[in-house]
Every structure is written in C-alpha cells, then in structure tokens.
Amino acid sequence: MISPPGEFGIHGDEWAPLHATIEGWVESLALAHHASMWARQVTKLVGDDVDGIDLNGFAPVREVMGLADTWWRGPDSLVALYGGEAASFDFPRGRIAVISSGLDEWGLRGGVDDDG
C-alpha cells in the first residue's frame, strides 16, 4: 500500500511503512536482485537470530529509504533486514535477515558510489 505522504508499506493488523517512498522500494528490489546475482554466499536468518547480527562497520544503503525494511553495506557484504511484515502482524519471529557475502566492489555498489 501507499500512504498519503507516499510511504510504501504493508497493512496487516497494523500499518507498517517499509520504505519512505515507492522509489525506495523499487531500489530495494533492484538491490536484492543484484546481491543475489553477485554474492558468493547468501545466508538467511529468521526471528531472534536476526538480533545476533553485528552491523559495526556497516552503513545504511540510503537509496532504499528504508523504514521497517532496511539495507546495510559492509566491507564485503550487503545485509537486508526485513521487519515490516513482523511489525504489521505483531509477529517478531517473522523478522528476516538476508546476508549476501563475498562481494567485491562491483557486487557491493554496482558501479554507484555513495554520492549517487
């Protein structure tokens, strides 16, 4: 769904904005595809296991404009944290993290630098 201010989100039991804009959601889809193509390893964590992820040294991927669903870029990994559905349905065990690791500079950025 799209909120009046333009957030893209999901409405289950409650409204959960996933991305600040539709463009952010599209960027997250593109990044998910890109990461799946270039990662040497993909790891999925669910529920409480998501809490064990250490994001020290990672920076948010600003293009996805994440709210409940966010992306983080590290030295050789991209981490997607999906919490919107869990928030919308008050189901914390529904949180998911997807860690795409073993990425080189192209895999991390796809030719786009931090300045856009």
PDB file of N, CA and C in Angstrom:
ATOM      1  N   MET A   1       0.835  -1.179   0.000  1.00  0.00           N
ATOM      2  CA  MET A   1       0.000   0.000   0.000  1.00  0.00           C
ATOM      3  C   MET A   1       0.880   1.242   0.000  1.00  0.00           C
ATOM      4  N   ILE A   2       0.292   2.333  -0.366  1.00  0.00           N
ATOM      5  CA  ILE A   2       0.992   3.614  -0.374  1.00  0.00           C
ATOM      6  C   ILE A   2       0.236   4.561   0.553  1.00  0.00           C
ATOM      7  N   SER A   3       0.954   5.155   1.501  1.00  0.00           N
ATOM      8  CA  SER A   3       0.328   6.071   2.448  1.00  0.00           C
ATOM      9  C   SER A   3       0.131   7.440   1.804  1.00  0.00           C
ATOM     10  N   PRO A   4      -0.713   8.295   2.400  1.00  0.00           N
ATOM     11  CA  PRO A   4      -0.901   9.648   1.849  1.00  0.00           C
ATOM     12  C   PRO A   4       0.401  10.424   1.663  1.00  0.00           C
ATOM     13  N   PRO A   5       1.400  10.313   2.600  1.00  0.00           N
ATOM     14  CA  PRO A   5       2.650  11.037   2.340  1.00  0.00           C
ATOM     15  C   PRO A   5       3.586  10.341   1.344  1.00  0.00           C
ATOM     16  N   GLY A   6       3.191   9.137   0.833  1.00  0.00           N
ATOM     17  CA  GLY A   6       3.988   8.473  -0.191  1.00  0.00           C
ATOM     18  C   GLY A   6       4.840   7.316   0.280  1.00  0.00           C
ATOM     19  N   GLU A   7       4.719   6.912   1.533  1.00  0.00           N
ATOM     20  CA  GLU A   7       5.474   5.754   2.021  1.00  0.00           C
ATOM     21  C   GLU A   7       4.914   4.487   1.381  1.00  0.00           C
ATOM     22  N   PHE A   8       5.793   3.546   1.102  1.00  0.00           N
ATOM     23  CA  PHE A   8       5.369   2.240   0.616  1.00  0.00           C
ATOM     24  C   PHE A   8       5.377   1.292   1.801  1.00  0.00           C
ATOM     25  N   GLY A   9       4.287   0.548   2.018  1.00  0.00           N
ATOM     26  CA  GLY A   9       4.239  -0.325   3.181  1.00  0.00           C
ATOM     27  C   GLY A   9       3.253  -1.455   3.040  1.00  0.00           C
ATOM     28  N   ILE A  10       3.031  -2.112   4.160  1.00  0.00           N
ATOM     29  CA  ILE A  10       2.132  -3.250   4.236  1.00  0.00           C
ATOM     30  C   ILE A  10       1.124  -2.986   5.344  1.00  0.00           C
ATOM     31  N   HIS A  11      -0.113  -3.378   5.102  1.00  0.00           N
ATOM     32  CA  HIS A  11      -1.130  -3.217   6.134  1.00  0.00           C
ATOM     33  C   HIS A  11      -1.731  -4.577   6.417  1.00  0.00           C
ATOM     34  N   GLY A  12      -1.382  -5.112   7.582  1.00  0.00           N
ATOM     35  CA  GLY A  12      -1.975  -6.359   8.057  1.00  0.00           C
ATOM     36  C   GLY A  12      -2.883  -5.991   9.212  1.00  0.00           C
ATOM     37  N   ASP A  13      -2.493  -6.399  10.411  1.00  0.00           N
ATOM     38  CA  ASP A  13      -3.226  -5.966  11.600  1.00  0.00           C
ATOM     39  C   ASP A  13      -2.980  -4.476  11.855  1.00  0.00           C
ATOM     40  N   GLU A  14      -1.788  -4.008  11.516  1.00  0.00           N
ATOM     41  CA  GLU A  14      -1.374  -2.613  11.681  1.00  0.00           C
ATOM     42  C   GLU A  14      -0.659  -2.166  10.412  1.00  0.00           C
ATOM     43  N   TRP A  15      -0.577  -0.867  10.192  1.00  0.00           N
ATOM     44  CA  TRP A  15       0.185  -0.288   9.093  1.00  0.00           C
ATOM     45  C   TRP A  15       1.665  -0.313   9.445  1.00  0.00           C
ATOM     46  N   ALA A  16       2.494  -0.788   8.528  1.00  0.00           N
ATOM     47  CA  ALA A  16       3.947  -0.777   8.705  1.00  0.00           C
ATOM     48  C   ALA A  16       4.582  -0.205   7.441  1.00  0.00           C
ATOM     49  N   PRO A  17       5.099   1.027   7.514  1.00  0.00           N
ATOM     50  CA  PRO A  17       5.784   1.582   6.346  1.00  0.00           C
ATOM     51  C   PRO A  17       7.130   0.893   6.148  1.00  0.00           C
ATOM     52  N   LEU A  18       7.351   0.343   4.978  1.00  0.00           N
ATOM     53  CA  LEU A  18       8.598  -0.367   4.682  1.00  0.00           C
ATOM     54  C   LEU A  18       9.678   0.570   4.162  1.00  0.00           C
ATOM     55  N   HIS A  19       9.275   1.492   3.269  1.00  0.00           N
ATOM     56  CA  HIS A  19      10.208   2.425   2.643  1.00  0.00           C
ATOM     57  C   HIS A  19       9.557   3.800   2.593  1.00  0.00           C
ATOM     58  N   ALA A  20      10.375   4.830   2.674  1.00  0.00           N
ATOM     59  CA  ALA A  20       9.860   6.196   2.705  1.00  0.00           C
ATOM     60  C   ALA A  20       9.189   6.594   1.397  1.00  0.00           C
ATOM     61  N   THR A  21       9.547   5.933   0.302  1.00  0.00           N
ATOM     62  CA  THR A  21       8.958   6.244  -0.998  1.00  0.00           C
ATOM     63  C   THR A  21       8.818   4.968  -1.819  1.00  0.00           C
ATOM     64  N   ILE A  22       8.023   5.047  -2.864  1.00  0.00           N
ATOM     65  CA  ILE A  22       7.915   3.929  -3.810  1.00  0.00           C
ATOM     66  C   ILE A  22       9.268   3.695  -4.473  1.00  0.00           C
ATOM     67  N   GLU A  23       9.979   4.773  -4.782  1.00  0.00           N
ATOM     68  CA  GLU A  23      11.299   4.651  -5.398  1.00  0.00           C
ATOM     69  C   GLU A  23      12.243   3.859  -4.506  1.00  0.00           C
ATOM     70  N   GLY A  24      12.160   4.072  -3.183  1.00  0.00           N
ATOM     71  CA  GLY A  24      12.986   3.312  -2.254  1.00  0.00           C
ATOM     72  C   GLY A  24      12.677   1.825  -2.307  1.00  0.00           C
ATOM     73  N   TRP A  25      11.405   1.498  -2.426  1.00  0.00           N
ATOM     74  CA  TRP A  25      11.003   0.097  -2.548  1.00  0.00           C
ATOM     75  C   TRP A  25      11.565  -0.508  -3.837  1.00  0.00           C
ATOM     76  N   VAL A  26      11.458   0.234  -4.943  1.00  0.00           N
ATOM     77  CA  VAL A  26      11.994  -0.262  -6.210  1.00  0.00           C
ATOM     78  C   VAL A  26      13.508  -0.460  -6.100  1.00  0.00           C
ATOM     79  N   GLU A  27      14.200   0.485  -5.460  1.00  0.00           N
ATOM     80  CA  GLU A  27      15.647   0.342  -5.253  1.00  0.00           C
ATOM     81  C   GLU A  27      15.958  -0.915  -4.442  1.00  0.00           C
ATOM     82  N   SER A  28      15.131  -1.207  -3.433  1.00  0.00           N
ATOM     83  CA  SER A  28      15.385  -2.399  -2.618  1.00  0.00           C
ATOM     84  C   SER A  28      15.211  -3.670  -3.441  1.00  0.00           C
ATOM     85  N   LEU A  29      14.226  -3.691  -4.340  1.00  0.00           N
ATOM     86  CA  LEU A  29      14.043  -4.849  -5.219  1.00  0.00           C
ATOM     87  C   LEU A  29      15.237  -5.020  -6.156  1.00  0.00           C
ATOM     88  N   ALA A  30      15.698  -3.912  -6.721  1.00  0.00           N
ATOM     89  CA  ALA A  30      16.858  -3.967  -7.607  1.00  0.00           C
ATOM     90  C   ALA A  30      18.098  -4.431  -6.855  1.00  0.00           C
ATOM     91  N   LEU A  31      18.270  -3.943  -5.638  1.00  0.00           N
ATOM     92  CA  LEU A  31      19.429  -4.339  -4.841  1.00  0.00           C
ATOM     93  C   LEU A  31      19.356  -5.822  -4.460  1.00  0.00           C
ATOM     94  N   ALA A  32      18.171  -6.307  -4.132  1.00  0.00           N
ATOM     95  CA  ALA A  32      18.007  -7.729  -3.806  1.00  0.00           C
ATOM     96  C   ALA A  32      18.391  -8.594  -5.007  1.00  0.00           C
ATOM     97  N   HIS A  33      17.959  -8.202  -6.191  1.00  0.00           N
ATOM     98  CA  HIS A  33      18.316  -8.952  -7.394  1.00  0.00           C
ATOM     99  C   HIS A  33      19.822  -8.892  -7.630  1.00  0.00           C
ATOM    100  N   HIS A  34      20.383  -7.694  -7.555  1.00  0.00           N
ATOM    101  CA  HIS A  34      21.819  -7.516  -7.769  1.00  0.00           C
ATOM    102  C   HIS A  34      22.633  -8.365  -6.781  1.00  0.00           C
ATOM    103  N   ALA A  35      22.286  -8.286  -5.501  1.00  0.00           N
ATOM    104  CA  ALA A  35      23.028  -9.043  -4.482  1.00  0.00           C
ATOM    105  C   ALA A  35      22.923 -10.538  -4.735  1.00  0.00           C
ATOM    106  N   SER A  36      21.756 -11.012  -5.133  1.00  0.00           N
ATOM    107  CA  SER A  36      21.588 -12.449  -5.374  1.00  0.00           C
ATOM    108  C   SER A  36      22.424 -12.926  -6.554  1.00  0.00           C
ATOM    109  N   MET A  37      22.698 -12.051  -7.497  1.00  0.00           N
ATOM    110  CA  MET A  37      23.493 -12.418  -8.666  1.00  0.00           C
ATOM    111  C   MET A  37      24.992 -12.455  -8.389  1.00  0.00           C
ATOM    112  N   TRP A  38      25.459 -11.591  -7.485  1.00  0.00           N
ATOM    113  CA  TRP A  38      26.895 -11.416  -7.314  1.00  0.00           C
ATOM    114  C   TRP A  38      27.469 -12.011  -6.031  1.00  0.00           C
ATOM    115  N   ALA A  39      26.640 -12.336  -5.053  1.00  0.00           N
ATOM    116  CA  ALA A  39      27.152 -12.859  -3.778  1.00  0.00           C
ATOM    117  C   ALA A  39      27.717 -14.265  -3.948  1.00  0.00           C
ATOM    118  N   ARG A  40      28.789 -14.531  -3.255  1.00  0.00           N
ATOM    119  CA  ARG A  40      29.347 -15.885  -3.240  1.00  0.00           C
ATOM    120  C   ARG A  40      28.572 -16.770  -2.270  1.00  0.00           C
ATOM    121  N   GLN A  41      27.964 -16.136  -1.262  1.00  0.00           N
ATOM    122  CA  GLN A  41      27.185 -16.875  -0.263  1.00  0.00           C
ATOM    123  C   GLN A  41      26.006 -16.022   0.180  1.00  0.00           C
ATOM    124  N   VAL A  42      24.864 -16.672   0.373  1.00  0.00           N
ATOM    125  CA  VAL A  42      23.683 -15.989   0.891  1.00  0.00           C
ATOM    126  C   VAL A  42      23.214 -16.757   2.120  1.00  0.00           C
ATOM    127  N   THR A  43      23.052 -16.028   3.228  1.00  0.00           N
ATOM    128  CA  THR A  43      22.622 -16.612   4.490  1.00  0.00           C
ATOM    129  C   THR A  43      21.326 -15.955   4.919  1.00  0.00           C
ATOM    130  N   LYS A  44      20.376 -16.761   5.327  1.00  0.00           N
ATOM    131  CA  LYS A  44      19.085 -16.240   5.791  1.00  0.00           C
ATOM    132  C   LYS A  44      18.937 -16.549   7.276  1.00  0.00           C
ATOM    133  N   LEU A  45      18.596 -15.528   8.055  1.00  0.00           N
ATOM    134  CA  LEU A  45      18.326 -15.680   9.478  1.00  0.00           C
ATOM    135  C   LEU A  45      16.885 -15.274   9.737  1.00  0.00           C
ATOM    136  N   VAL A  46      16.259 -15.931  10.696  1.00  0.00           N
ATOM    137  CA  VAL A  46      14.846 -15.700  10.967  1.00  0.00           C
ATOM    138  C   VAL A  46      14.633 -15.488  12.466  1.00  0.00           C
ATOM    139  N   GLY A  47      13.678 -14.615  12.809  1.00  0.00           N
ATOM    140  CA  GLY A  47      13.261 -14.415  14.196  1.00  0.00           C
ATOM    141  C   GLY A  47      14.360 -13.868  15.073  1.00  0.00           C
ATOM    142  N   ASP A  48      14.530 -14.477  16.244  1.00  0.00           N
ATOM    143  CA  ASP A  48      15.507 -13.985  17.220  1.00  0.00           C
ATOM    144  C   ASP A  48      16.940 -14.056  16.722  1.00  0.00           C
ATOM    145  N   ASP A  49      17.238 -14.914  15.741  1.00  0.00           N
ATOM    146  CA  ASP A  49      18.597 -14.993  15.201  1.00  0.00           C
ATOM    147  C   ASP A  49      19.016 -13.684  14.538  1.00  0.00           C
ATOM    148  N   VAL A  50      18.058 -12.881  14.111  1.00  0.00           N
ATOM    149  CA  VAL A  50      18.358 -11.589  13.497  1.00  0.00           C
ATOM    150  C   VAL A  50      19.051 -10.668  14.498  1.00  0.00           C
ATOM    151  N   ASP A  51      18.732 -10.814  15.779  1.00  0.00           N
ATOM    152  CA  ASP A  51      19.331  -9.956  16.813  1.00  0.00           C
ATOM    153  C   ASP A  51      20.841 -10.135  16.926  1.00  0.00           C
ATOM    154  N   GLY A  52      21.370 -11.264  16.478  1.00  0.00           N
ATOM    155  CA  GLY A  52      22.802 -11.539  16.606  1.00  0.00           C
ATOM    156  C   GLY A  52      23.663 -10.908  15.525  1.00  0.00           C
ATOM    157  N   ILE A  53      23.075 -10.212  14.597  1.00  0.00           N
ATOM    158  CA  ILE A  53      23.850  -9.606  13.514  1.00  0.00           C
ATOM    159  C   ILE A  53      24.570  -8.364  14.034  1.00  0.00           C
ATOM    160  N   ASP A  54      25.875  -8.309  13.805  1.00  0.00           N
ATOM    161  CA  ASP A  54      26.686  -7.159  14.201  1.00  0.00           C
ATOM    162  C   ASP A  54      26.871  -6.259  12.986  1.00  0.00           C
ATOM    163  N   LEU A  55      26.299  -5.077  13.026  1.00  0.00           N
ATOM    164  CA  LEU A  55      26.393  -4.147  11.900  1.00  0.00           C
ATOM    165  C   LEU A  55      27.477  -3.088  12.100  1.00  0.00           C
ATOM    166  N   ASN A  56      28.401  -3.311  13.059  1.00  0.00           N
ATOM    167  CA  ASN A  56      29.542  -2.398  13.199  1.00  0.00           C
ATOM    168  C   ASN A  56      30.334  -2.423  11.904  1.00  0.00           C
ATOM    169  N   GLY A  57      30.686  -1.259  11.396  1.00  0.00           N
ATOM    170  CA  GLY A  57      31.416  -1.161  10.142  1.00  0.00           C
ATOM    171  C   GLY A  57      30.513  -1.169   8.919  1.00  0.00           C
ATOM    172  N   PHE A  58      29.207  -1.246   9.123  1.00  0.00           N
ATOM    173  CA  PHE A  58      28.246  -1.216   8.025  1.00  0.00           C
ATOM    174  C   PHE A  58      27.587   0.157   7.982  1.00  0.00           C
ATOM    175  N   ALA A  59      27.174   0.556   6.803  1.00  0.00           N
ATOM    176  CA  ALA A  59      26.474   1.829   6.634  1.00  0.00           C
ATOM    177  C   ALA A  59      25.130   1.553   5.972  1.00  0.00           C
ATOM    178  N   PRO A  60      24.104   2.330   6.324  1.00  0.00           N
ATOM    179  CA  PRO A  60      22.815   2.122   5.662  1.00  0.00           C
ATOM    180  C   PRO A  60      22.915   2.448   4.168  1.00  0.00           C
ATOM    181  N   VAL A  61      22.208   1.686   3.369  1.00  0.00           N
ATOM    182  CA  VAL A  61      22.124   1.965   1.936  1.00  0.00           C
ATOM    183  C   VAL A  61      20.991   2.970   1.777  1.00  0.00           C
ATOM    184  N   ARG A  62      21.342   4.209   1.602  1.00  0.00           N
ATOM    185  CA  ARG A  62      20.369   5.293   1.652  1.00  0.00           C
ATOM    186  C   ARG A  62      19.367   5.257   0.502  1.00  0.00           C
ATOM    187  N   GLU A  63      19.737   4.673  -0.631  1.00  0.00           N
ATOM    188  CA  GLU A  63      18.847   4.667  -1.786  1.00  0.00           C
ATOM    189  C   GLU A  63      17.542   3.910  -1.540  1.00  0.00           C
ATOM    190  N   VAL A  64      17.560   2.917  -0.621  1.00  0.00           N
ATOM    191  CA  VAL A  64      16.331   2.148  -0.379  1.00  0.00           C
ATOM    192  C   VAL A  64      15.368   2.887   0.542  1.00  0.00           C
ATOM    193  N   MET A  65      15.841   3.977   1.146  1.00  0.00           N
ATOM    194  CA  MET A  65      15.000   4.796   2.019  1.00  0.00           C
ATOM    195  C   MET A  65      14.221   3.920   2.998  1.00  0.00           C
ATOM    196  N   GLY A  66      14.935   2.989   3.613  1.00  0.00           N
ATOM    197  CA  GLY A  66      14.309   2.001   4.476  1.00  0.00           C
ATOM    198  C   GLY A  66      13.730   2.565   5.751  1.00  0.00           C
ATOM    199  N   LEU A  67      12.583   2.041   6.113  1.00  0.00           N
ATOM    200  CA  LEU A  67      11.940   2.350   7.388  1.00  0.00           C
ATOM    201  C   LEU A  67      11.883   1.056   8.197  1.00  0.00           C
ATOM    202  N   ALA A  68      10.895   0.211   7.955  1.00  0.00           N
ATOM    203  CA  ALA A  68      10.840  -1.086   8.643  1.00  0.00           C
ATOM    204  C   ALA A  68      11.758  -2.103   7.961  1.00  0.00           C
ATOM    205  N   ASP A  69      11.984  -1.958   6.673  1.00  0.00           N
ATOM    206  CA  ASP A  69      12.894  -2.826   5.927  1.00  0.00           C
ATOM    207  C   ASP A  69      14.103  -1.990   5.531  1.00  0.00           C
ATOM    208  N   THR A  70      15.289  -2.437   5.915  1.00  0.00           N
ATOM    209  CA  THR A  70      16.499  -1.651   5.671  1.00  0.00           C
ATOM    210  C   THR A  70      17.578  -2.506   5.023  1.00  0.00           C
ATOM    211  N   TRP A  71      18.524  -1.836   4.397  1.00  0.00           N
ATOM    212  CA  TRP A  71      19.699  -2.478   3.808  1.00  0.00           C
ATOM    213  C   TRP A  71      20.945  -1.828   4.383  1.00  0.00           C
ATOM    214  N   TRP A  72      21.981  -2.647   4.584  1.00  0.00           N
ATOM    215  CA  TRP A  72      23.247  -2.181   5.126  1.00  0.00           C
ATOM    216  C   TRP A  72      24.375  -2.686   4.241  1.00  0.00           C
ATOM    217  N   ARG A  73      25.401  -1.839   4.026  1.00  0.00           N
ATOM    218  CA  ARG A  73      26.558  -2.188   3.204  1.00  0.00           C
ATOM    219  C   ARG A  73      27.793  -2.243   4.097  1.00  0.00           C
ATOM    220  N   GLY A  74      28.510  -3.365   4.027  1.00  0.00           N
ATOM    221  CA  GLY A  74      29.741  -3.545   4.782  1.00  0.00           C
ATOM    222  C   GLY A  74      30.927  -3.731   3.861  1.00  0.00           C
ATOM    223  N   PRO A  75      32.061  -4.175   4.413  1.00  0.00           N
ATOM    224  CA  PRO A  75      33.277  -4.311   3.610  1.00  0.00           C
ATOM    225  C   PRO A  75      33.149  -5.304   2.449  1.00  0.00           C
ATOM    226  N   ASP A  76      32.413  -6.399   2.649  1.00  0.00           N
ATOM    227  CA  ASP A  76      32.236  -7.371   1.561  1.00  0.00           C
ATOM    228  C   ASP A  76      30.841  -7.997   1.574  1.00  0.00           C
ATOM    229  N   SER A  77      29.904  -7.320   2.247  1.00  0.00           N
ATOM    230  CA  SER A  77      28.561  -7.882   2.398  1.00  0.00           C
ATOM    231  C   SER A  77      27.472  -6.822   2.292  1.00  0.00           C
ATOM    232  N   LEU A  78      26.315  -7.269   1.856  1.00  0.00           N
ATOM    233  CA  LEU A  78      25.087  -6.487   1.923  1.00  0.00           C
ATOM    234  C   LEU A  78      24.137  -7.245   2.834  1.00  0.00           C
ATOM    235  N   VAL A  79      23.487  -6.519   3.742  1.00  0.00           N
ATOM    236  CA  VAL A  79      22.557  -7.141   4.686  1.00  0.00           C
ATOM    237  C   VAL A  79      21.196  -6.479   4.513  1.00  0.00           C
ATOM    238  N   ALA A  80      20.198  -7.301   4.237  1.00  0.00           N
ATOM    239  CA  ALA A  80      18.812  -6.824   4.157  1.00  0.00           C
ATOM    240  C   ALA A  80      18.098  -7.254   5.428  1.00  0.00           C
ATOM    241  N   LEU A  81      17.503  -6.306   6.124  1.00  0.00           N
ATOM    242  CA  LEU A  81      16.722  -6.595   7.328  1.00  0.00           C
ATOM    243  C   LEU A  81      15.260  -6.311   7.025  1.00  0.00           C
ATOM    244  N   TYR A  82      14.454  -7.350   7.049  1.00  0.00           N
ATOM    245  CA  TYR A  82      13.034  -7.246   6.745  1.00  0.00           C
ATOM    246  C   TYR A  82      12.232  -7.381   8.038  1.00  0.00           C
ATOM    247  N   GLY A  83      11.686  -6.282   8.508  1.00  0.00           N
ATOM    248  CA  GLY A  83      10.917  -6.295   9.749  1.00  0.00           C
ATOM    249  C   GLY A  83       9.495  -5.808   9.596  1.00  0.00           C
ATOM    250  N   GLY A  84       9.138  -5.359   8.411  1.00  0.00           N
ATOM    251  CA  GLY A  84       7.828  -4.771   8.206  1.00  0.00           C
ATOM    252  C   GLY A  84       6.670  -5.731   8.390  1.00  0.00           C
ATOM    253  N   GLU A  85       6.771  -6.908   7.818  1.00  0.00           N
ATOM    254  CA  GLU A  85       5.688  -7.878   7.959  1.00  0.00           C
ATOM    255  C   GLU A  85       5.537  -8.307   9.410  1.00  0.00           C
ATOM    256  N   ALA A  86       6.663  -8.502  10.090  1.00  0.00           N
ATOM    257  CA  ALA A  86       6.615  -8.870  11.509  1.00  0.00           C
ATOM    258  C   ALA A  86       5.947  -7.779  12.333  1.00  0.00           C
ATOM    259  N   ALA A  87       6.237  -6.515  12.008  1.00  0.00           N
ATOM    260  CA  ALA A  87       5.617  -5.393  12.721  1.00  0.00           C
ATOM    261  C   ALA A  87       4.131  -5.290  12.405  1.00  0.00           C
ATOM    262  N   SER A  88       3.796  -5.445  11.153  1.00  0.00           N
ATOM    263  CA  SER A  88       2.410  -5.301  10.725  1.00  0.00           C
ATOM    264  C   SER A  88       1.495  -6.345  11.359  1.00  0.00           C
ATOM    265  N   PHE A  89       2.020  -7.540  11.564  1.00  0.00           N
ATOM    266  CA  PHE A  89       1.211  -8.622  12.133  1.00  0.00           C
ATOM    267  C   PHE A  89       1.572  -8.926  13.588  1.00  0.00           C
ATOM    268  N   ASP A  90       2.378  -8.033  14.220  1.00  0.00           N
ATOM    269  CA  ASP A  90       2.814  -8.228  15.607  1.00  0.00           C
ATOM    270  C   ASP A  90       3.346  -9.650  15.802  1.00  0.00           C
ATOM    271  N   PHE A  91       4.297 -10.007  14.939  1.00  0.00           N
ATOM    272  CA  PHE A  91       4.860 -11.356  14.914  1.00  0.00           C
ATOM    273  C   PHE A  91       6.382 -11.249  14.849  1.00  0.00           C
ATOM    274  N   PRO A  92       7.052 -10.959  15.984  1.00  0.00           N
ATOM    275  CA  PRO A  92       8.501 -10.728  15.979  1.00  0.00           C
ATOM    276  C   PRO A  92       9.310 -11.869  15.365  1.00  0.00           C
ATOM    277  N   ARG A  93       8.825 -13.090  15.479  1.00  0.00           N
ATOM    278  CA  ARG A  93       9.572 -14.221  14.897  1.00  0.00           C
ATOM    279  C   ARG A  93       9.531 -14.187  13.370  1.00  0.00           C
ATOM    280  N   GLY A  94       8.747 -13.269  12.800  1.00  0.00           N
ATOM    281  CA  GLY A  94       8.680 -13.127  11.356  1.00  0.00           C
ATOM    282  C   GLY A  94       9.751 -12.221  10.769  1.00  0.00           C
ATOM    283  N   ARG A  95      10.628 -11.690  11.619  1.00  0.00           N
ATOM    284  CA  ARG A  95      11.731 -10.859  11.114  1.00  0.00           C
ATOM    285  C   ARG A  95      12.700 -11.740  10.328  1.00  0.00           C
ATOM    286  N   ILE A  96      13.238 -11.188   9.249  1.00  0.00           N
ATOM    287  CA  ILE A  96      14.162 -11.941   8.396  1.00  0.00           C
ATOM    288  C   ILE A  96      15.358 -11.059   8.069  1.00  0.00           C
ATOM    289  N   ALA A  97      16.536 -11.676   8.046  1.00  0.00           N
ATOM    290  CA  ALA A  97      17.745 -11.018   7.559  1.00  0.00           C
ATOM    291  C   ALA A  97      18.326 -11.882   6.448  1.00  0.00           C
ATOM    292  N   VAL A  98      18.728 -11.235   5.373  1.00  0.00           N
ATOM    293  CA  VAL A  98      19.405 -11.922   4.284  1.00  0.00           C
ATOM    294  C   VAL A  98      20.778 -11.278   4.137  1.00  0.00           C
ATOM    295  N   ILE A  99      21.813 -12.082   4.330  1.00  0.00           N
ATOM    296  CA  ILE A  99      23.191 -11.595   4.265  1.00  0.00           C
ATOM    297  C   ILE A  99      23.812 -12.125   2.980  1.00  0.00           C
ATOM    298  N   SER A 100      24.156 -11.202   2.099  1.00  0.00           N
ATOM    299  CA  SER A 100      24.810 -11.550   0.841  1.00  0.00           C
ATOM    300  C   SER A 100      26.284 -11.214   1.008  1.00  0.00           C
ATOM    301  N   SER A 101      27.133 -12.239   1.077  1.00  0.00           N
ATOM    302  CA  SER A 101      28.545 -12.003   1.386  1.00  0.00           C
ATOM    303  C   SER A 101      29.454 -12.489   0.263  1.00  0.00           C
ATOM    304  N   GLY A 102      30.734 -12.103   0.402  1.00  0.00           N
ATOM    305  CA  GLY A 102      31.718 -12.442  -0.614  1.00  0.00           C
ATOM    306  C   GLY A 102      31.615 -11.537  -1.827  1.00  0.00           C
ATOM    307  N   LEU A 103      31.201 -10.299  -1.608  1.00  0.00           N
ATOM    308  CA  LEU A 103      31.025  -9.348  -2.700  1.00  0.00           C
ATOM    309  C   LEU A 103      32.282  -8.506  -2.906  1.00  0.00           C
ATOM    310  N   ASP A 104      32.642  -8.265  -4.158  1.00  0.00           N
ATOM    311  CA  ASP A 104      33.714  -7.334  -4.466  1.00  0.00           C
ATOM    312  C   ASP A 104      33.113  -5.932  -4.603  1.00  0.00           C
ATOM    313  N   GLU A 105      33.910  -4.973  -5.030  1.00  0.00           N
ATOM    314  CA  GLU A 105      33.422  -3.591  -5.131  1.00  0.00           C
ATOM    315  C   GLU A 105      32.215  -3.489  -6.069  1.00  0.00           C
ATOM    316  N   TRP A 106      32.248  -4.187  -7.195  1.00  0.00           N
ATOM    317  CA  TRP A 106      31.106  -4.167  -8.120  1.00  0.00           C
ATOM    318  C   TRP A 106      29.880  -4.775  -7.448  1.00  0.00           C
ATOM    319  N   GLY A 107      30.066  -5.879  -6.750  1.00  0.00           N
ATOM    320  CA  GLY A 107      28.959  -6.525  -6.066  1.00  0.00           C
ATOM    321  C   GLY A 107      28.361  -5.668  -4.971  1.00  0.00           C
ATOM    322  N   LEU A 108      29.195  -4.896  -4.304  1.00  0.00           N
ATOM    323  CA  LEU A 108      28.711  -4.033  -3.221  1.00  0.00           C
ATOM    324  C   LEU A 108      27.975  -2.799  -3.737  1.00  0.00           C
ATOM    325  N   ARG A 109      28.408  -2.268  -4.873  1.00  0.00           N
ATOM    326  CA  ARG A 109      27.895  -0.970  -5.301  1.00  0.00           C
ATOM    327  C   ARG A 109      27.321  -0.935  -6.713  1.00  0.00           C
ATOM    328  N   GLY A 110      27.586  -1.942  -7.518  1.00  0.00           N
ATOM    329  CA  GLY A 110      27.056  -1.946  -8.874  1.00  0.00           C
ATOM    330  C   GLY A 110      27.459  -0.734  -9.696  1.00  0.00           C
ATOM    331  N   GLY A 111      28.627  -0.179  -9.402  1.00  0.00           N
ATOM    332  CA  GLY A 111      29.101   0.979 -10.138  1.00  0.00           C
ATOM    333  C   GLY A 111      28.603   2.318  -9.631  1.00  0.00           C
ATOM    334  N   VAL A 112      27.849   2.325  -8.521  1.00  0.00           N
ATOM    335  CA  VAL A 112      27.319   3.567  -7.947  1.00  0.00           C
ATOM    336  C   VAL A 112      28.091   3.884  -6.670  1.00  0.00           C
ATOM    337  N   ASP A 113      28.611   5.101  -6.580  1.00  0.00           N
ATOM    338  CA  ASP A 113      29.308   5.468  -5.355  1.00  0.00           C
ATOM    339  C   ASP A 113      28.340   6.085  -4.350  1.00  0.00           C
ATOM    340  N   ASP A 114      28.816   6.359  -3.150  1.00  0.00           N
ATOM    341  CA  ASP A 114      27.958   6.866  -2.092  1.00  0.00           C
ATOM    342  C   ASP A 114      27.368   8.242  -2.382  1.00  0.00           C
ATOM    343  N   ASP A 115      27.950   8.955  -3.332  1.00  0.00           N
ATOM    344  CA  ASP A 115      27.434  10.285  -3.657  1.00  0.00           C
ATOM    345  C   ASP A 115      26.341  10.235  -4.719  1.00  0.00           C
ATOM    346  N   GLY A 116      25.915   9.032  -5.098  1.00  0.00           N
ATOM    347  CA  GLY A 116      24.815   8.900  -6.051  1.00  0.00           C
ATOM    348  C   GLY A 116      25.307   8.567  -7.403  1.00  0.00           C
TER     349      GLY A 116
END
